[in-house]
Amino acid sequence: MGDHALPGTPPVPLTLRKSARARRISLRISQLDGRVTLTYPQGVPESEALNFARVKEEWIRQHLLDRPDPAVVQFGQTIPVEGFGRRIVPATGRRVLLRGDEIAVPQGAEARRLARFLKELARDRLTRACDNYALMLGRPYSSLTIRDTRSRWGSCSSAGGLMFSWRLILAPPEILHYVAAHEVAHLAEMNHSPAFWAQVERIFGDYRDQRRWLRDNGAQLHQYKFDASTS
């Protein structure tokens, strides 16, 4: 893996990754931090991969411009919780509380406290959803992990372990439920074949609107900056 940059104002850092599994040159821009990764197959010269990035420079810069501006979590700011905007206010007690259109957070390391609360809320909602979908599917999962992932909303391992981004708690509930159903469906079909999508539709219903919402709005869930230690 190597680091390069597209020249210009500003220069665009590039992370190059040679992959034995890659069949073609591809670009990925992280929703979380805007990192541009250029992946290319074994046998393809690095110079050819860099030239591919230069050809795509206009697309790369436009995509970076379209990313939401980072928002540092602090009192007075409004953030979505389960898709509903809540203003962050100081709490009078020692607990984080949801109340109407506010979320009350104890003062002192409030961003970290709020992130911890949101992670636990996400775990609760995702566990309930996955329990329900796994029962409908007739396939149990082995574990459920919450992380702050860069490039995916969830995953399912061959051992039945489910992993989700806790930032799904910021999205409307039906989005979280769609991602839960998507990953649970992998317990039956470890692929994205028509049989897999049929399982998703069987346990969740028509998923197209939710899938489209994530594609169009998912990057906005990554604009909120919490304490780095909570990721």
C-alpha atoms as a PDB file:
ATOM      1  CA  MET A   1       0.000   0.000   0.000  1.00  0.00           C
ATOM      2  CA  GLY A   2       1.369   3.423  -0.910  1.00  0.00           C
ATOM      3  CA  ASP A   3       0.454   7.080  -0.529  1.00  0.00           C
ATOM      4  CA  HIS A   4       0.398   9.552  -3.409  1.00  0.00           C
ATOM      5  CA  ALA A   5      -1.560  12.692  -4.292  1.00  0.00           C
ATOM      6  CA  LEU A   6      -3.282  14.345  -7.206  1.00  0.00           C
ATOM      7  CA  PRO A   7      -1.605  17.749  -7.636  1.00  0.00           C
ATOM      8  CA  GLY A   8      -3.704  20.889  -7.530  1.00  0.00           C
ATOM      9  CA  THR A   9      -5.337  23.224  -5.020  1.00  0.00           C
ATOM     10  CA  PRO A  10      -5.842  21.525  -2.724  1.00  0.00           C
ATOM     11  CA  PRO A  11      -3.873  18.342  -3.499  1.00  0.00           C
ATOM     12  CA  VAL A  12      -5.932  15.166  -3.105  1.00  0.00           C
ATOM     13  CA  PRO A  13      -4.163  12.406  -1.114  1.00  0.00           C
ATOM     14  CA  LEU A  14      -4.454   8.944  -2.674  1.00  0.00           C
ATOM     15  CA  THR A  15      -3.968   5.608  -0.942  1.00  0.00           C
ATOM     16  CA  LEU A  16      -2.902   2.906  -3.413  1.00  0.00           C
ATOM     17  CA  ARG A  17      -3.702  -0.723  -2.668  1.00  0.00           C
ATOM     18  CA  LYS A  18      -2.573  -3.630  -4.833  1.00  0.00           C
ATOM     19  CA  SER A  19      -4.985  -6.558  -4.543  1.00  0.00           C
ATOM     20  CA  ALA A  20      -4.729 -10.126  -5.785  1.00  0.00           C
ATOM     21  CA  ARG A  21      -8.528 -10.295  -5.819  1.00  0.00           C
ATOM     22  CA  ALA A  22      -9.087  -7.121  -7.866  1.00  0.00           C
ATOM     23  CA  ARG A  23     -10.032  -7.647 -11.491  1.00  0.00           C
ATOM     24  CA  ARG A  24      -9.942  -3.989 -12.481  1.00  0.00           C
ATOM     25  CA  ILE A  25      -8.820  -0.598 -11.220  1.00  0.00           C
ATOM     26  CA  SER A  26     -11.351   0.965  -8.875  1.00  0.00           C
ATOM     27  CA  LEU A  27     -11.753   4.093  -6.738  1.00  0.00           C
ATOM     28  CA  ARG A  28     -13.473   4.356  -3.361  1.00  0.00           C
ATOM     29  CA  ILE A  29     -14.078   7.522  -1.352  1.00  0.00           C
ATOM     30  CA  SER A  30     -14.730   6.935   2.346  1.00  0.00           C
ATOM     31  CA  GLN A  31     -18.016   8.360   3.600  1.00  0.00           C
ATOM     32  CA  LEU A  32     -16.430   8.854   7.001  1.00  0.00           C
ATOM     33  CA  ASP A  33     -13.296  10.874   6.283  1.00  0.00           C
ATOM     34  CA  GLY A  34     -13.135  11.424   2.507  1.00  0.00           C
ATOM     35  CA  ARG A  35     -10.118   9.132   2.106  1.00  0.00           C
ATOM     36  CA  VAL A  36      -9.584   8.226  -1.562  1.00  0.00           C
ATOM     37  CA  THR A  37      -8.405   4.635  -2.074  1.00  0.00           C
ATOM     38  CA  LEU A  38      -7.217   3.425  -5.470  1.00  0.00           C
ATOM     39  CA  THR A  39      -7.245  -0.376  -5.782  1.00  0.00           C
ATOM     40  CA  TYR A  40      -5.595  -2.146  -8.703  1.00  0.00           C
ATOM     41  CA  PRO A  41      -4.874  -5.783  -9.689  1.00  0.00           C
ATOM     42  CA  GLN A  42      -1.585  -7.616  -9.465  1.00  0.00           C
ATOM     43  CA  GLY A  43       0.295  -7.162 -12.726  1.00  0.00           C
ATOM     44  CA  VAL A  44      -1.034  -3.656 -13.359  1.00  0.00           C
ATOM     45  CA  PRO A  45       1.742  -1.027 -13.094  1.00  0.00           C
ATOM     46  CA  GLU A  46       1.344   1.598 -10.381  1.00  0.00           C
ATOM     47  CA  SER A  47       1.730   4.273 -13.064  1.00  0.00           C
ATOM     48  CA  GLU A  48      -1.351   2.949 -14.861  1.00  0.00           C
ATOM     49  CA  ALA A  49      -3.391   3.104 -11.649  1.00  0.00           C
ATOM     50  CA  LEU A  50      -2.263   6.681 -11.030  1.00  0.00           C
ATOM     51  CA  ASN A  51      -3.184   7.637 -14.570  1.00  0.00           C
ATOM     52  CA  PHE A  52      -6.668   6.194 -13.952  1.00  0.00           C
ATOM     53  CA  ALA A  53      -7.001   8.512 -10.953  1.00  0.00           C
ATOM     54  CA  ARG A  54      -5.871  11.499 -13.029  1.00  0.00           C
ATOM     55  CA  VAL A  55      -8.545  10.721 -15.648  1.00  0.00           C
ATOM     56  CA  LYS A  56     -11.146  10.575 -12.842  1.00  0.00           C
ATOM     57  CA  GLU A  57      -9.851  13.704 -11.072  1.00  0.00           C
ATOM     58  CA  GLU A  58     -12.882  15.875 -11.864  1.00  0.00           C
ATOM     59  CA  TRP A  59     -15.232  13.187 -10.502  1.00  0.00           C
ATOM     60  CA  ILE A  60     -13.086  12.769  -7.364  1.00  0.00           C
ATOM     61  CA  ARG A  61     -12.988  16.486  -6.587  1.00  0.00           C
ATOM     62  CA  GLN A  62     -16.714  16.932  -7.176  1.00  0.00           C
ATOM     63  CA  HIS A  63     -17.494  13.988  -4.910  1.00  0.00           C
ATOM     64  CA  LEU A  64     -15.309  15.467  -2.166  1.00  0.00           C
ATOM     65  CA  LEU A  65     -17.004  18.859  -2.547  1.00  0.00           C
ATOM     66  CA  ASP A  66     -20.417  17.203  -2.194  1.00  0.00           C
ATOM     67  CA  ARG A  67     -19.515  15.583   1.152  1.00  0.00           C
ATOM     68  CA  PRO A  68     -21.320  17.110   4.157  1.00  0.00           C
ATOM     69  CA  ASP A  69     -19.227  19.509   6.232  1.00  0.00           C
ATOM     70  CA  PRO A  70     -18.028  17.940   9.501  1.00  0.00           C
ATOM     71  CA  ALA A  71     -20.102  18.919  12.537  1.00  0.00           C
ATOM     72  CA  VAL A  72     -18.481  18.827  15.978  1.00  0.00           C
ATOM     73  CA  VAL A  73     -21.012  17.561  18.508  1.00  0.00           C
ATOM     74  CA  GLN A  74     -21.654  20.195  21.195  1.00  0.00           C
ATOM     75  CA  PHE A  75     -24.410  21.839  23.217  1.00  0.00           C
ATOM     76  CA  GLY A  76     -26.926  23.760  21.119  1.00  0.00           C
ATOM     77  CA  GLN A  77     -26.410  21.576  18.058  1.00  0.00           C
ATOM     78  CA  THR A  78     -29.227  19.470  16.615  1.00  0.00           C
ATOM     79  CA  ILE A  79     -28.499  15.885  15.631  1.00  0.00           C
ATOM     80  CA  PRO A  80     -30.869  13.194  14.361  1.00  0.00           C
ATOM     81  CA  VAL A  81     -31.694  10.315  16.700  1.00  0.00           C
ATOM     82  CA  GLU A  82     -33.824   7.620  15.067  1.00  0.00           C
ATOM     83  CA  GLY A  83     -34.363  10.095  12.233  1.00  0.00           C
ATOM     84  CA  PHE A  84     -35.784  12.826  14.449  1.00  0.00           C
ATOM     85  CA  GLY A  85     -33.836  16.052  15.079  1.00  0.00           C
ATOM     86  CA  ARG A  86     -32.909  16.560  18.743  1.00  0.00           C
ATOM     87  CA  ARG A  87     -31.142  19.598  20.173  1.00  0.00           C
ATOM     88  CA  ILE A  88     -28.287  18.791  22.567  1.00  0.00           C
ATOM     89  CA  VAL A  89     -28.842  20.511  25.921  1.00  0.00           C
ATOM     90  CA  PRO A  90     -27.138  20.233  29.356  1.00  0.00           C
ATOM     91  CA  ALA A  91     -28.699  17.639  31.659  1.00  0.00           C
ATOM     92  CA  THR A  92     -29.583  18.440  35.248  1.00  0.00           C
ATOM     93  CA  GLY A  93     -28.843  14.867  36.337  1.00  0.00           C
ATOM     94  CA  ARG A  94     -26.114  12.325  35.581  1.00  0.00           C
ATOM     95  CA  ARG A  95     -27.861  10.432  32.779  1.00  0.00           C
ATOM     96  CA  VAL A  96     -28.379  11.086  29.079  1.00  0.00           C
ATOM     97  CA  LEU A  97     -32.106  11.512  28.447  1.00  0.00           C
ATOM     98  CA  LEU A  98     -34.251  11.733  25.317  1.00  0.00           C
ATOM     99  CA  ARG A  99     -37.171  14.101  25.822  1.00  0.00           C
ATOM    100  CA  GLY A 100     -39.235  15.373  22.924  1.00  0.00           C
ATOM    101  CA  ASP A 101     -37.048  17.307  20.519  1.00  0.00           C
ATOM    102  CA  GLU A 102     -34.108  17.463  22.951  1.00  0.00           C
ATOM    103  CA  ILE A 103     -31.395  15.132  24.151  1.00  0.00           C
ATOM    104  CA  ALA A 104     -30.043  16.087  27.555  1.00  0.00           C
ATOM    105  CA  VAL A 105     -26.384  15.239  28.213  1.00  0.00           C
ATOM    106  CA  PRO A 106     -24.394  15.730  31.447  1.00  0.00           C
ATOM    107  CA  GLN A 107     -21.724  18.418  31.120  1.00  0.00           C
ATOM    108  CA  GLY A 108     -18.108  17.343  30.824  1.00  0.00           C
ATOM    109  CA  ALA A 109     -16.923  15.116  27.948  1.00  0.00           C
ATOM    110  CA  GLU A 110     -20.440  15.456  26.573  1.00  0.00           C
ATOM    111  CA  ALA A 111     -19.568  14.243  23.071  1.00  0.00           C
ATOM    112  CA  ARG A 112     -18.114  11.017  24.456  1.00  0.00           C
ATOM    113  CA  ARG A 113     -21.059  10.529  26.833  1.00  0.00           C
ATOM    114  CA  LEU A 114     -23.530  11.077  24.018  1.00  0.00           C
ATOM    115  CA  ALA A 115     -21.708   8.666  21.703  1.00  0.00           C
ATOM    116  CA  ARG A 116     -21.730   5.999  24.416  1.00  0.00           C
ATOM    117  CA  PHE A 117     -25.468   6.477  24.897  1.00  0.00           C
ATOM    118  CA  LEU A 118     -26.143   6.283  21.148  1.00  0.00           C
ATOM    119  CA  LYS A 119     -24.061   3.127  20.825  1.00  0.00           C
ATOM    120  CA  GLU A 120     -26.079   1.398  23.539  1.00  0.00           C
ATOM    121  CA  LEU A 121     -29.350   2.594  22.006  1.00  0.00           C
ATOM    122  CA  ALA A 122     -28.204   1.253  18.639  1.00  0.00           C
ATOM    123  CA  ARG A 123     -27.277  -2.089  20.211  1.00  0.00           C
ATOM    124  CA  ASP A 124     -30.714  -2.351  21.833  1.00  0.00           C
ATOM    125  CA  ARG A 125     -32.605  -1.521  18.636  1.00  0.00           C
ATOM    126  CA  LEU A 126     -30.445  -3.754  16.433  1.00  0.00           C
ATOM    127  CA  THR A 127     -30.607  -6.703  18.843  1.00  0.00           C
ATOM    128  CA  ARG A 128     -34.410  -6.552  18.905  1.00  0.00           C
ATOM    129  CA  ALA A 129     -34.586  -6.280  15.114  1.00  0.00           C
ATOM    130  CA  CYS A 130     -32.085  -9.086  14.493  1.00  0.00           C
ATOM    131  CA  ASP A 131     -33.776 -11.377  17.014  1.00  0.00           C
ATOM    132  CA  ASN A 132     -37.049 -10.868  15.174  1.00  0.00           C
ATOM    133  CA  TYR A 133     -35.642 -11.370  11.666  1.00  0.00           C
ATOM    134  CA  ALA A 134     -33.545 -14.372  12.694  1.00  0.00           C
ATOM    135  CA  LEU A 135     -36.682 -15.986  14.128  1.00  0.00           C
ATOM    136  CA  MET A 136     -38.547 -15.324  10.873  1.00  0.00           C
ATOM    137  CA  LEU A 137     -35.648 -16.715   8.859  1.00  0.00           C
ATOM    138  CA  GLY A 138     -35.218 -19.735  11.111  1.00  0.00           C
ATOM    139  CA  ARG A 139     -31.453 -19.137  11.389  1.00  0.00           C
ATOM    140  CA  PRO A 140     -29.812 -17.980  14.650  1.00  0.00           C
ATOM    141  CA  TYR A 141     -26.854 -15.591  14.696  1.00  0.00           C
ATOM    142  CA  SER A 142     -23.867 -16.151  16.974  1.00  0.00           C
ATOM    143  CA  SER A 143     -22.981 -12.607  18.070  1.00  0.00           C
ATOM    144  CA  LEU A 144     -23.750  -8.934  17.469  1.00  0.00           C
ATOM    145  CA  THR A 145     -21.048  -6.259  17.444  1.00  0.00           C
ATOM    146  CA  ILE A 146     -21.388  -2.472  17.212  1.00  0.00           C
ATOM    147  CA  ARG A 147     -18.604  -0.418  15.582  1.00  0.00           C
ATOM    148  CA  ASP A 148     -18.036   2.901  13.820  1.00  0.00           C
ATOM    149  CA  THR A 149     -17.237   1.482  10.388  1.00  0.00           C
ATOM    150  CA  ARG A 150     -15.869   3.486   7.464  1.00  0.00           C
ATOM    151  CA  SER A 151     -17.251   1.712   4.423  1.00  0.00           C
ATOM    152  CA  ARG A 152     -20.186  -0.523   5.358  1.00  0.00           C
ATOM    153  CA  TRP A 153     -23.312  -0.378   7.469  1.00  0.00           C
ATOM    154  CA  GLY A 154     -23.189  -4.015   8.473  1.00  0.00           C
ATOM    155  CA  SER A 155     -21.683  -7.411   7.795  1.00  0.00           C
ATOM    156  CA  CYS A 156     -22.280 -11.095   8.494  1.00  0.00           C
ATOM    157  CA  SER A 157     -19.420 -13.562   8.990  1.00  0.00           C
ATOM    158  CA  SER A 158     -19.414 -17.193   7.927  1.00  0.00           C
ATOM    159  CA  ALA A 159     -19.651 -18.069  11.639  1.00  0.00           C
ATOM    160  CA  GLY A 160     -22.911 -16.131  11.975  1.00  0.00           C
ATOM    161  CA  GLY A 161     -21.464 -13.036  13.634  1.00  0.00           C
ATOM    162  CA  LEU A 162     -23.292  -9.805  12.824  1.00  0.00           C
ATOM    163  CA  MET A 163     -21.607  -6.395  12.850  1.00  0.00           C
ATOM    164  CA  PHE A 164     -23.285  -2.992  12.453  1.00  0.00           C
ATOM    165  CA  SER A 165     -22.396   0.676  12.404  1.00  0.00           C
ATOM    166  CA  TRP A 166     -23.837   2.315  15.497  1.00  0.00           C
ATOM    167  CA  ARG A 167     -24.521   5.430  13.396  1.00  0.00           C
ATOM    168  CA  LEU A 168     -27.599   3.624  12.062  1.00  0.00           C
ATOM    169  CA  ILE A 169     -29.322   4.922  15.218  1.00  0.00           C
ATOM    170  CA  LEU A 170     -29.162   8.396  13.634  1.00  0.00           C
ATOM    171  CA  ALA A 171     -31.242   7.215  10.652  1.00  0.00           C
ATOM    172  CA  PRO A 172     -35.002   6.656  10.607  1.00  0.00           C
ATOM    173  CA  PRO A 173     -35.978   3.338  12.263  1.00  0.00           C
ATOM    174  CA  GLU A 174     -36.953   1.676   8.992  1.00  0.00           C
ATOM    175  CA  ILE A 175     -33.401   2.184   7.698  1.00  0.00           C
ATOM    176  CA  LEU A 176     -31.902   0.442  10.739  1.00  0.00           C
ATOM    177  CA  HIS A 177     -34.415  -2.373  10.342  1.00  0.00           C
ATOM    178  CA  TYR A 178     -33.579  -2.797   6.664  1.00  0.00           C
ATOM    179  CA  VAL A 179     -29.858  -3.137   7.395  1.00  0.00           C
ATOM    180  CA  ALA A 180     -30.626  -5.624  10.193  1.00  0.00           C
ATOM    181  CA  ALA A 181     -32.765  -7.716   7.822  1.00  0.00           C
ATOM    182  CA  HIS A 182     -30.097  -7.486   5.116  1.00  0.00           C
ATOM    183  CA  GLU A 183     -27.377  -8.907   7.348  1.00  0.00           C
ATOM    184  CA  VAL A 184     -29.628 -11.550   8.921  1.00  0.00           C
ATOM    185  CA  ALA A 185     -30.568 -12.728   5.422  1.00  0.00           C
ATOM    186  CA  HIS A 186     -26.881 -13.510   4.875  1.00  0.00           C
ATOM    187  CA  LEU A 187     -27.252 -16.273   7.478  1.00  0.00           C
ATOM    188  CA  ALA A 188     -29.132 -18.154   4.768  1.00  0.00           C
ATOM    189  CA  GLU A 189     -27.426 -16.765   1.648  1.00  0.00           C
ATOM    190  CA  MET A 190     -23.798 -15.593   1.920  1.00  0.00           C
ATOM    191  CA  ASN A 191     -23.974 -13.686  -1.364  1.00  0.00           C
ATOM    192  CA  HIS A 192     -26.058 -11.059  -3.152  1.00  0.00           C
ATOM    193  CA  SER A 193     -27.823 -13.433  -5.506  1.00  0.00           C
ATOM    194  CA  PRO A 194     -31.533 -13.219  -6.394  1.00  0.00           C
ATOM    195  CA  ALA A 195     -32.088 -15.869  -3.703  1.00  0.00           C
ATOM    196  CA  PHE A 196     -30.530 -13.542  -1.123  1.00  0.00           C
ATOM    197  CA  TRP A 197     -32.696 -10.570  -2.078  1.00  0.00           C
ATOM    198  CA  ALA A 198     -35.740 -12.837  -1.988  1.00  0.00           C
ATOM    199  CA  GLN A 199     -34.899 -13.649   1.640  1.00  0.00           C
ATOM    200  CA  VAL A 200     -34.561  -9.945   2.471  1.00  0.00           C
ATOM    201  CA  GLU A 201     -37.953  -9.243   0.940  1.00  0.00           C
ATOM    202  CA  ARG A 202     -39.512 -12.212   2.725  1.00  0.00           C
ATOM    203  CA  ILE A 203     -38.500 -11.069   6.213  1.00  0.00           C
ATOM    204  CA  PHE A 204     -38.501  -7.283   5.693  1.00  0.00           C
ATOM    205  CA  GLY A 205     -40.768  -6.494   2.758  1.00  0.00           C
ATOM    206  CA  ASP A 206     -40.044  -4.122  -0.114  1.00  0.00           C
ATOM    207  CA  TYR A 207     -36.569  -2.764   0.734  1.00  0.00           C
ATOM    208  CA  ARG A 208     -35.949  -0.535  -2.300  1.00  0.00           C
ATOM    209  CA  ASP A 209     -36.811   2.798  -0.678  1.00  0.00           C
ATOM    210  CA  GLN A 210     -34.586   2.072   2.324  1.00  0.00           C
ATOM    211  CA  ARG A 211     -31.689   0.973   0.132  1.00  0.00           C
ATOM    212  CA  ARG A 212     -32.058   4.157  -1.911  1.00  0.00           C
ATOM    213  CA  TRP A 213     -32.187   6.308   1.243  1.00  0.00           C
ATOM    214  CA  LEU A 214     -28.859   4.906   2.432  1.00  0.00           C
ATOM    215  CA  ARG A 215     -27.263   5.522  -0.946  1.00  0.00           C
ATOM    216  CA  ASP A 216     -28.514   9.118  -1.075  1.00  0.00           C
ATOM    217  CA  ASN A 217     -28.258  10.123   2.593  1.00  0.00           C
ATOM    218  CA  GLY A 218     -25.872   7.723   4.299  1.00  0.00           C
ATOM    219  CA  ALA A 219     -22.888  10.069   4.105  1.00  0.00           C
ATOM    220  CA  GLN A 220     -24.742  12.587   6.278  1.00  0.00           C
ATOM    221  CA  LEU A 221     -24.672  10.138   9.194  1.00  0.00           C
ATOM    222  CA  HIS A 222     -20.864  10.348   9.180  1.00  0.00           C
ATOM    223  CA  GLN A 223     -20.659  14.149   9.383  1.00  0.00           C
ATOM    224  CA  TYR A 224     -21.047  14.208  13.176  1.00  0.00           C
ATOM    225  CA  LYS A 225     -17.699  14.161  14.975  1.00  0.00           C
ATOM    226  CA  PHE A 226     -17.631  12.523  18.401  1.00  0.00           C
ATOM    227  CA  ASP A 227     -14.641  11.843  20.619  1.00  0.00           C
ATOM    228  CA  ALA A 228     -12.211   9.562  18.753  1.00  0.00           C
ATOM    229  CA  SER A 229     -12.067   7.092  21.631  1.00  0.00           C
ATOM    230  CA  THR A 230     -15.711   6.086  21.111  1.00  0.00           C
ATOM    231  CA  SER A 231     -15.251   4.646  17.607  1.00  0.00           C
END
